Structures are given as C-alpha cells and as structure tokens.
C-alpha cells in the first residue's frame, strides 16, 4: 500500500517539479507500476 501510494505521489510530483523529476523518473522506471 505504501509503495502504491508513493508511486502515485511521485507521478503527480513529476508533473509539477523540476528539482527531483529525473530522480523520480528513475525510481518509477525501477519499480514500474504497482503490479
């Protein structure tokens, strides 16, 4: 549940922030969707 919430949070954050976008995209690429 925590991972699914974190992934959705980072996806929304990447839309709004330049500061951590590259780090967020890398993390989402590692974990993928919450399968």
ModelCIF file with pLDDT and N, C-alpha, C, O atoms, coordinates in Angstrom:
data_MODEL
#
_entry.id   MODEL 
#
_entity.id                         1 
_entity.type                       polymer 
_entity.pdbx_number_of_molecules   1 
#
_entity_poly.entity_id                      1 
_entity_poly.type                           'polypeptide(L)' 
_entity_poly.nstd_linkage                   no 
_entity_poly.nstd_monomer                   no 
_entity_poly.pdbx_seq_one_letter_code       
;(UNK)(UNK)(UNK)(UNK)(UNK)(UNK)(UNK)(UNK)(UNK)(UNK)(UNK)(UNK)(UNK)(UNK)(UNK)(UNK)
(UNK)(UNK)(UNK)(UNK)(UNK)(UNK)(UNK)(UNK)(UNK)(UNK)(UNK)(UNK)(UNK)(UNK)(UNK)(UNK)
(UNK)(UNK)(UNK)
;
_entity_poly.pdbx_seq_one_letter_code_can   XXXXXXXXXXXXXXXXXXXXXXXXXXXXXXXXXXX 
_entity_poly.pdbx_strand_id                 A 
#
loop_
_entity_poly_seq.entity_id 
_entity_poly_seq.num 
_entity_poly_seq.mon_id 
_entity_poly_seq.hetero 
1 1  UNK n 
1 2  UNK n 
1 3  UNK n 
1 4  UNK n 
1 5  UNK n 
1 6  UNK n 
1 7  UNK n 
1 8  UNK n 
1 9  UNK n 
1 10 UNK n 
1 11 UNK n 
1 12 UNK n 
1 13 UNK n 
1 14 UNK n 
1 15 UNK n 
1 16 UNK n 
1 17 UNK n 
1 18 UNK n 
1 19 UNK n 
1 20 UNK n 
1 21 UNK n 
1 22 UNK n 
1 23 UNK n 
1 24 UNK n 
1 25 UNK n 
1 26 UNK n 
1 27 UNK n 
1 28 UNK n 
1 29 UNK n 
1 30 UNK n 
1 31 UNK n 
1 32 UNK n 
1 33 UNK n 
1 34 UNK n 
1 35 UNK n 
#
_struct_asym.id          A 
_struct_asym.entity_id   1 
#
loop_
_ma_qa_metric.id 
_ma_qa_metric.mode 
_ma_qa_metric.name 
_ma_qa_metric.software_group_id 
_ma_qa_metric.type 
1 global pLDDT . pLDDT 
2 local  pLDDT . pLDDT 
#
_ma_qa_metric_global.metric_id      1 
_ma_qa_metric_global.metric_value   78.77 
_ma_qa_metric_global.model_id       1 
_ma_qa_metric_global.ordinal_id     1 
#
loop_
_ma_qa_metric_local.label_asym_id 
_ma_qa_metric_local.label_comp_id 
_ma_qa_metric_local.label_seq_id 
_ma_qa_metric_local.metric_id 
_ma_qa_metric_local.metric_value 
_ma_qa_metric_local.model_id 
_ma_qa_metric_local.ordinal_id 
A UNK 1  2 77.00 1 1  
A UNK 2  2 80.00 1 2  
A UNK 3  2 80.00 1 3  
A UNK 4  2 80.00 1 4  
A UNK 5  2 81.00 1 5  
A UNK 6  2 81.00 1 6  
A UNK 7  2 81.00 1 7  
A UNK 8  2 80.00 1 8  
A UNK 9  2 82.00 1 9  
A UNK 10 2 83.00 1 10 
A UNK 11 2 79.00 1 11 
A UNK 12 2 77.00 1 12 
A UNK 13 2 75.00 1 13 
A UNK 14 2 64.00 1 14 
A UNK 15 2 67.00 1 15 
A UNK 16 2 65.00 1 16 
A UNK 17 2 69.00 1 17 
A UNK 18 2 72.00 1 18 
A UNK 19 2 72.00 1 19 
A UNK 20 2 86.00 1 20 
A UNK 21 2 86.00 1 21 
A UNK 22 2 89.00 1 22 
A UNK 23 2 92.00 1 23 
A UNK 24 2 90.00 1 24 
A UNK 25 2 89.00 1 25 
A UNK 26 2 91.00 1 26 
A UNK 27 2 89.00 1 27 
A UNK 28 2 87.00 1 28 
A UNK 29 2 87.00 1 29 
A UNK 30 2 86.00 1 30 
A UNK 31 2 82.00 1 31 
A UNK 32 2 69.00 1 32 
A UNK 33 2 64.00 1 33 
A UNK 34 2 59.00 1 34 
A UNK 35 2 66.00 1 35 
#
loop_
_atom_site.group_PDB 
_atom_site.id 
_atom_site.type_symbol 
_atom_site.label_atom_id 
_atom_site.label_alt_id 
_atom_site.label_comp_id 
_atom_site.label_asym_id 
_atom_site.label_entity_id 
_atom_site.label_seq_id 
_atom_site.pdbx_PDB_ins_code 
_atom_site.Cartn_x 
_atom_site.Cartn_y 
_atom_site.Cartn_z 
_atom_site.occupancy 
_atom_site.B_iso_or_equiv 
_atom_site.pdbx_formal_charge 
_atom_site.auth_seq_id 
_atom_site.auth_comp_id 
_atom_site.auth_asym_id 
_atom_site.auth_atom_id 
_atom_site.pdbx_PDB_model_num 
ATOM 1   N N  . UNK A 1 1  ? 0.839  -1.208 0.000   1.00 77.00 ? 1  UNK A N  1 
ATOM 2   C CA . UNK A 1 1  ? 0.000  0.000  0.000   1.00 77.00 ? 1  UNK A CA 1 
ATOM 3   C C  . UNK A 1 1  ? 0.872  1.256  0.000   1.00 77.00 ? 1  UNK A C  1 
ATOM 4   O O  . UNK A 1 1  ? 0.595  2.222  -0.711  1.00 77.00 ? 1  UNK A O  1 
ATOM 5   N N  . UNK A 1 2  ? 1.934  1.222  0.813   1.00 80.00 ? 2  UNK A N  1 
ATOM 6   C CA . UNK A 1 2  ? 2.834  2.368  0.868   1.00 80.00 ? 2  UNK A CA 1 
ATOM 7   C C  . UNK A 1 2  ? 3.521  2.609  -0.457  1.00 80.00 ? 2  UNK A C  1 
ATOM 8   O O  . UNK A 1 2  ? 3.654  3.754  -0.889  1.00 80.00 ? 2  UNK A O  1 
ATOM 9   N N  . UNK A 1 3  ? 3.963  1.535  -1.113  1.00 80.00 ? 3  UNK A N  1 
ATOM 10  C CA . UNK A 1 3  ? 4.645  1.663  -2.395  1.00 80.00 ? 3  UNK A CA 1 
ATOM 11  C C  . UNK A 1 3  ? 3.693  2.200  -3.462  1.00 80.00 ? 3  UNK A C  1 
ATOM 12  O O  . UNK A 1 3  ? 4.064  3.066  -4.255  1.00 80.00 ? 3  UNK A O  1 
ATOM 13  N N  . UNK A 1 4  ? 2.474  1.686  -3.476  1.00 80.00 ? 4  UNK A N  1 
ATOM 14  C CA . UNK A 1 4  ? 1.492  2.161  -4.467  1.00 80.00 ? 4  UNK A CA 1 
ATOM 15  C C  . UNK A 1 4  ? 1.211  3.645  -4.263  1.00 80.00 ? 4  UNK A C  1 
ATOM 16  O O  . UNK A 1 4  ? 1.126  4.398  -5.233  1.00 80.00 ? 4  UNK A O  1 
ATOM 17  N N  . UNK A 1 5  ? 1.066  4.071  -3.012  1.00 81.00 ? 5  UNK A N  1 
ATOM 18  C CA . UNK A 1 5  ? 0.804  5.482  -2.728  1.00 81.00 ? 5  UNK A CA 1 
ATOM 19  C C  . UNK A 1 5  ? 2.013  6.334  -3.115  1.00 81.00 ? 5  UNK A C  1 
ATOM 20  O O  . UNK A 1 5  ? 1.859  7.411  -3.692  1.00 81.00 ? 5  UNK A O  1 
ATOM 21  N N  . UNK A 1 6  ? 3.220  5.848  -2.795  1.00 81.00 ? 6  UNK A N  1 
ATOM 22  C CA . UNK A 1 6  ? 4.434  6.598  -3.137  1.00 81.00 ? 6  UNK A CA 1 
ATOM 23  C C  . UNK A 1 6  ? 4.574  6.756  -4.641  1.00 81.00 ? 6  UNK A C  1 
ATOM 24  O O  . UNK A 1 6  ? 4.960  7.824  -5.117  1.00 81.00 ? 6  UNK A O  1 
ATOM 25  N N  . UNK A 1 7  ? 4.263  5.697  -5.406  1.00 81.00 ? 7  UNK A N  1 
ATOM 26  C CA . UNK A 1 7  ? 4.372  5.788  -6.857  1.00 81.00 ? 7  UNK A CA 1 
ATOM 27  C C  . UNK A 1 7  ? 3.403  6.809  -7.423  1.00 81.00 ? 7  UNK A C  1 
ATOM 28  O O  . UNK A 1 7  ? 3.773  7.603  -8.288  1.00 81.00 ? 7  UNK A O  1 
ATOM 29  N N  . UNK A 1 8  ? 2.165  6.797  -6.943  1.00 80.00 ? 8  UNK A N  1 
ATOM 30  C CA . UNK A 1 8  ? 1.178  7.774  -7.424  1.00 80.00 ? 8  UNK A CA 1 
ATOM 31  C C  . UNK A 1 8  ? 1.591  9.189  -7.024  1.00 80.00 ? 8  UNK A C  1 
ATOM 32  O O  . UNK A 1 8  ? 1.406  10.137 -7.787  1.00 80.00 ? 8  UNK A O  1 
ATOM 33  N N  . UNK A 1 9  ? 2.147  9.322  -5.833  1.00 82.00 ? 9  UNK A N  1 
ATOM 34  C CA . UNK A 1 9  ? 2.588  10.635 -5.359  1.00 82.00 ? 9  UNK A CA 1 
ATOM 35  C C  . UNK A 1 9  ? 3.720  11.164 -6.246  1.00 82.00 ? 9  UNK A C  1 
ATOM 36  O O  . UNK A 1 9  ? 3.702  12.327 -6.651  1.00 82.00 ? 9  UNK A O  1 
ATOM 37  N N  . UNK A 1 10 ? 4.705  10.310 -6.548  1.00 83.00 ? 10 UNK A N  1 
ATOM 38  C CA . UNK A 1 10 ? 5.844  10.733 -7.368  1.00 83.00 ? 10 UNK A CA 1 
ATOM 39  C C  . UNK A 1 10 ? 5.389  11.071 -8.790  1.00 83.00 ? 10 UNK A C  1 
ATOM 40  O O  . UNK A 1 10 ? 5.881  12.028 -9.386  1.00 83.00 ? 10 UNK A O  1 
ATOM 41  N N  . UNK A 1 11 ? 4.459  10.296 -9.330  1.00 79.00 ? 11 UNK A N  1 
ATOM 42  C CA . UNK A 1 11 ? 3.959  10.599 -10.679 1.00 79.00 ? 11 UNK A CA 1 
ATOM 43  C C  . UNK A 1 11 ? 3.362  11.999 -10.730 1.00 79.00 ? 11 UNK A C  1 
ATOM 44  O O  . UNK A 1 11 ? 3.599  12.743 -11.681 1.00 79.00 ? 11 UNK A O  1 
ATOM 45  N N  . UNK A 1 12 ? 2.584  12.362 -9.704  1.00 77.00 ? 12 UNK A N  1 
ATOM 46  C CA . UNK A 1 12 ? 1.984  13.694 -9.660  1.00 77.00 ? 12 UNK A CA 1 
ATOM 47  C C  . UNK A 1 12 ? 3.043  14.758 -9.414  1.00 77.00 ? 12 UNK A C  1 
ATOM 48  O O  . UNK A 1 12 ? 2.969  15.862 -9.953  1.00 77.00 ? 12 UNK A O  1 
ATOM 49  N N  . UNK A 1 13 ? 4.020  14.414 -8.600  1.00 75.00 ? 13 UNK A N  1 
ATOM 50  C CA . UNK A 1 13 ? 5.084  15.367 -8.290  1.00 75.00 ? 13 UNK A CA 1 
ATOM 51  C C  . UNK A 1 13 ? 5.920  15.664 -9.525  1.00 75.00 ? 13 UNK A C  1 
ATOM 52  O O  . UNK A 1 13 ? 6.319  16.808 -9.740  1.00 75.00 ? 13 UNK A O  1 
ATOM 53  N N  . UNK A 1 14 ? 6.188  14.651 -10.337 1.00 64.00 ? 14 UNK A N  1 
ATOM 54  C CA . UNK A 1 14 ? 6.997  14.848 -11.538 1.00 64.00 ? 14 UNK A CA 1 
ATOM 55  C C  . UNK A 1 14 ? 6.348  15.832 -12.500 1.00 64.00 ? 14 UNK A C  1 
ATOM 56  O O  . UNK A 1 14 ? 7.034  16.492 -13.280 1.00 64.00 ? 14 UNK A O  1 
ATOM 57  N N  . UNK A 1 15 ? 5.014  15.929 -12.442 1.00 67.00 ? 15 UNK A N  1 
ATOM 58  C CA . UNK A 1 15 ? 4.305  16.862 -13.310 1.00 67.00 ? 15 UNK A CA 1 
ATOM 59  C C  . UNK A 1 15 ? 4.535  18.311 -12.872 1.00 67.00 ? 15 UNK A C  1 
ATOM 60  O O  . UNK A 1 15 ? 4.363  19.236 -13.665 1.00 67.00 ? 15 UNK A O  1 
ATOM 61  N N  . UNK A 1 16 ? 4.924  18.505 -11.604 1.00 65.00 ? 16 UNK A N  1 
ATOM 62  C CA . UNK A 1 16 ? 4.944  19.844 -11.024 1.00 65.00 ? 16 UNK A CA 1 
ATOM 63  C C  . UNK A 1 16 ? 6.330  20.341 -10.638 1.00 65.00 ? 16 UNK A C  1 
ATOM 64  O O  . UNK A 1 16 ? 6.489  21.530 -10.358 1.00 65.00 ? 16 UNK A O  1 
ATOM 65  N N  . UNK A 1 17 ? 7.322  19.486 -10.613 1.00 69.00 ? 17 UNK A N  1 
ATOM 66  C CA . UNK A 1 17 ? 8.620  19.879 -10.062 1.00 69.00 ? 17 UNK A CA 1 
ATOM 67  C C  . UNK A 1 17 ? 9.766  19.533 -10.997 1.00 69.00 ? 17 UNK A C  1 
ATOM 68  O O  . UNK A 1 17 ? 9.842  18.420 -11.515 1.00 69.00 ? 17 UNK A O  1 
ATOM 69  N N  . UNK A 1 18 ? 10.667 20.506 -11.211 1.00 72.00 ? 18 UNK A N  1 
ATOM 70  C CA . UNK A 1 18 ? 11.885 20.247 -11.968 1.00 72.00 ? 18 UNK A CA 1 
ATOM 71  C C  . UNK A 1 18 ? 12.987 19.684 -11.072 1.00 72.00 ? 18 UNK A C  1 
ATOM 72  O O  . UNK A 1 18 ? 13.857 18.945 -11.535 1.00 72.00 ? 18 UNK A O  1 
ATOM 73  N N  . UNK A 1 19 ? 12.944 20.041 -9.769  1.00 72.00 ? 19 UNK A N  1 
ATOM 74  C CA . UNK A 1 19 ? 14.063 19.737 -8.869  1.00 72.00 ? 19 UNK A CA 1 
ATOM 75  C C  . UNK A 1 19 ? 14.333 18.239 -8.757  1.00 72.00 ? 19 UNK A C  1 
ATOM 76  O O  . UNK A 1 19 ? 15.493 17.829 -8.717  1.00 72.00 ? 19 UNK A O  1 
ATOM 77  N N  . UNK A 1 20 ? 13.292 17.420 -8.706  1.00 86.00 ? 20 UNK A N  1 
ATOM 78  C CA . UNK A 1 20 ? 13.500 15.984 -8.477  1.00 86.00 ? 20 UNK A CA 1 
ATOM 79  C C  . UNK A 1 20 ? 12.975 15.131 -9.623  1.00 86.00 ? 20 UNK A C  1 
ATOM 80  O O  . UNK A 1 20 ? 12.887 13.910 -9.490  1.00 86.00 ? 20 UNK A O  1 
ATOM 81  N N  . UNK A 1 21 ? 12.621 15.758 -10.757 1.00 86.00 ? 21 UNK A N  1 
ATOM 82  C CA . UNK A 1 21 ? 11.981 14.997 -11.835 1.00 86.00 ? 21 UNK A CA 1 
ATOM 83  C C  . UNK A 1 21 ? 12.854 13.832 -12.310 1.00 86.00 ? 21 UNK A C  1 
ATOM 84  O O  . UNK A 1 21 ? 12.358 12.714 -12.450 1.00 86.00 ? 21 UNK A O  1 
ATOM 85  N N  . UNK A 1 22 ? 14.124 14.072 -12.555 1.00 89.00 ? 22 UNK A N  1 
ATOM 86  C CA . UNK A 1 22 ? 14.992 13.000 -13.076 1.00 89.00 ? 22 UNK A CA 1 
ATOM 87  C C  . UNK A 1 22 ? 15.085 11.848 -12.077 1.00 89.00 ? 22 UNK A C  1 
ATOM 88  O O  . UNK A 1 22 ? 15.037 10.681 -12.463 1.00 89.00 ? 22 UNK A O  1 
ATOM 89  N N  . UNK A 1 23 ? 15.217 12.182 -10.785 1.00 92.00 ? 23 UNK A N  1 
ATOM 90  C CA . UNK A 1 23 ? 15.270 11.133 -9.766  1.00 92.00 ? 23 UNK A CA 1 
ATOM 91  C C  . UNK A 1 23 ? 13.937 10.384 -9.686  1.00 92.00 ? 23 UNK A C  1 
ATOM 92  O O  . UNK A 1 23 ? 13.910 9.164  -9.523  1.00 92.00 ? 23 UNK A O  1 
ATOM 93  N N  . UNK A 1 24 ? 12.842 11.123 -9.803  1.00 90.00 ? 24 UNK A N  1 
ATOM 94  C CA . UNK A 1 24 ? 11.528 10.489 -9.751  1.00 90.00 ? 24 UNK A CA 1 
ATOM 95  C C  . UNK A 1 24 ? 11.308 9.558  -10.920 1.00 90.00 ? 24 UNK A C  1 
ATOM 96  O O  . UNK A 1 24 ? 10.772 8.463  -10.746 1.00 90.00 ? 24 UNK A O  1 
ATOM 97  N N  . UNK A 1 25 ? 11.715 9.973  -12.117 1.00 89.00 ? 25 UNK A N  1 
ATOM 98  C CA . UNK A 1 25 ? 11.527 9.128  -13.288 1.00 89.00 ? 25 UNK A CA 1 
ATOM 99  C C  . UNK A 1 25 ? 12.389 7.865  -13.204 1.00 89.00 ? 25 UNK A C  1 
ATOM 100 O O  . UNK A 1 25 ? 11.963 6.789  -13.624 1.00 89.00 ? 25 UNK A O  1 
ATOM 101 N N  . UNK A 1 26 ? 13.597 7.999  -12.661 1.00 91.00 ? 26 UNK A N  1 
ATOM 102 C CA . UNK A 1 26 ? 14.446 6.814  -12.482 1.00 91.00 ? 26 UNK A CA 1 
ATOM 103 C C  . UNK A 1 26 ? 13.807 5.831  -11.516 1.00 91.00 ? 26 UNK A C  1 
ATOM 104 O O  . UNK A 1 26 ? 13.774 4.629  -11.778 1.00 91.00 ? 26 UNK A O  1 
ATOM 105 N N  . UNK A 1 27 ? 13.298 6.341  -10.397 1.00 89.00 ? 27 UNK A N  1 
ATOM 106 C CA . UNK A 1 27 ? 12.671 5.459  -9.405  1.00 89.00 ? 27 UNK A CA 1 
ATOM 107 C C  . UNK A 1 27 ? 11.433 4.778  -9.974  1.00 89.00 ? 27 UNK A C  1 
ATOM 108 O O  . UNK A 1 27 ? 11.230 3.582  -9.763  1.00 89.00 ? 27 UNK A O  1 
ATOM 109 N N  . UNK A 1 28 ? 10.610 5.523  -10.689 1.00 87.00 ? 28 UNK A N  1 
ATOM 110 C CA . UNK A 1 28 ? 9.414  4.928  -11.280 1.00 87.00 ? 28 UNK A CA 1 
ATOM 111 C C  . UNK A 1 28 ? 9.790  3.900  -12.331 1.00 87.00 ? 28 UNK A C  1 
ATOM 112 O O  . UNK A 1 28 ? 9.085  2.906  -12.506 1.00 87.00 ? 28 UNK A O  1 
ATOM 113 N N  . UNK A 1 29 ? 10.909 4.130  -13.043 1.00 87.00 ? 29 UNK A N  1 
ATOM 114 C CA . UNK A 1 29 ? 11.378 3.157  -14.020 1.00 87.00 ? 29 UNK A CA 1 
ATOM 115 C C  . UNK A 1 29 ? 11.817 1.855  -13.371 1.00 87.00 ? 29 UNK A C  1 
ATOM 116 O O  . UNK A 1 29 ? 11.667 0.782  -13.955 1.00 87.00 ? 29 UNK A O  1 
ATOM 117 N N  . UNK A 1 30 ? 12.362 1.950  -12.157 1.00 86.00 ? 30 UNK A N  1 
ATOM 118 C CA . UNK A 1 30 ? 12.804 0.749  -11.432 1.00 86.00 ? 30 UNK A CA 1 
ATOM 119 C C  . UNK A 1 30 ? 11.607 -0.030 -10.916 1.00 86.00 ? 30 UNK A C  1 
ATOM 120 O O  . UNK A 1 30 ? 11.544 -1.250 -11.066 1.00 86.00 ? 30 UNK A O  1 
ATOM 121 N N  . UNK A 1 31 ? 10.652 0.673  -10.306 1.00 82.00 ? 31 UNK A N  1 
ATOM 122 C CA . UNK A 1 31 ? 9.543  -0.028 -9.668  1.00 82.00 ? 31 UNK A CA 1 
ATOM 123 C C  . UNK A 1 31 ? 8.385  -0.280 -10.623 1.00 82.00 ? 31 UNK A C  1 
ATOM 124 O O  . UNK A 1 31 ? 7.581  -1.184 -10.394 1.00 82.00 ? 31 UNK A O  1 
ATOM 125 N N  . UNK A 1 32 ? 8.289  0.509  -11.693 1.00 69.00 ? 32 UNK A N  1 
ATOM 126 C CA . UNK A 1 32 ? 7.200  0.341  -12.639 1.00 69.00 ? 32 UNK A CA 1 
ATOM 127 C C  . UNK A 1 32 ? 5.868  0.631  -11.992 1.00 69.00 ? 32 UNK A C  1 
ATOM 128 O O  . UNK A 1 32 ? 5.800  1.331  -10.982 1.00 69.00 ? 32 UNK A O  1 
ATOM 129 N N  . UNK A 1 33 ? 4.821  0.104  -12.562 1.00 64.00 ? 33 UNK A N  1 
ATOM 130 C CA . UNK A 1 33 ? 3.503  0.259  -11.961 1.00 64.00 ? 33 UNK A CA 1 
ATOM 131 C C  . UNK A 1 33 ? 3.407  -0.663 -10.756 1.00 64.00 ? 33 UNK A C  1 
ATOM 132 O O  . UNK A 1 33 ? 4.216  -1.576 -10.589 1.00 64.00 ? 33 UNK A O  1 
ATOM 133 N N  . UNK A 1 34 ? 2.415  -0.415 -9.928  1.00 59.00 ? 34 UNK A N  1 
ATOM 134 C CA . UNK A 1 34 ? 2.285  -1.187 -8.686  1.00 59.00 ? 34 UNK A CA 1 
ATOM 135 C C  . UNK A 1 34 ? 1.705  -2.568 -8.978  1.00 59.00 ? 34 UNK A C  1 
ATOM 136 O O  . UNK A 1 34 ? 0.621  -2.903 -8.500  1.00 59.00 ? 34 UNK A O  1 
ATOM 137 N N  . UNK A 1 35 ? 2.431  -3.374 -9.766  1.00 66.00 ? 35 UNK A N  1 
ATOM 138 C CA . UNK A 1 35 ? 1.964  -4.724 -10.069 1.00 66.00 ? 35 UNK A CA 1 
ATOM 139 C C  . UNK A 1 35 ? 2.409  -5.676 -8.967  1.00 66.00 ? 35 UNK A C  1 
ATOM 140 O O  . UNK A 1 35 ? 2.118  -6.870 -9.028  1.00 66.00 ? 35 UNK A O  1 
#
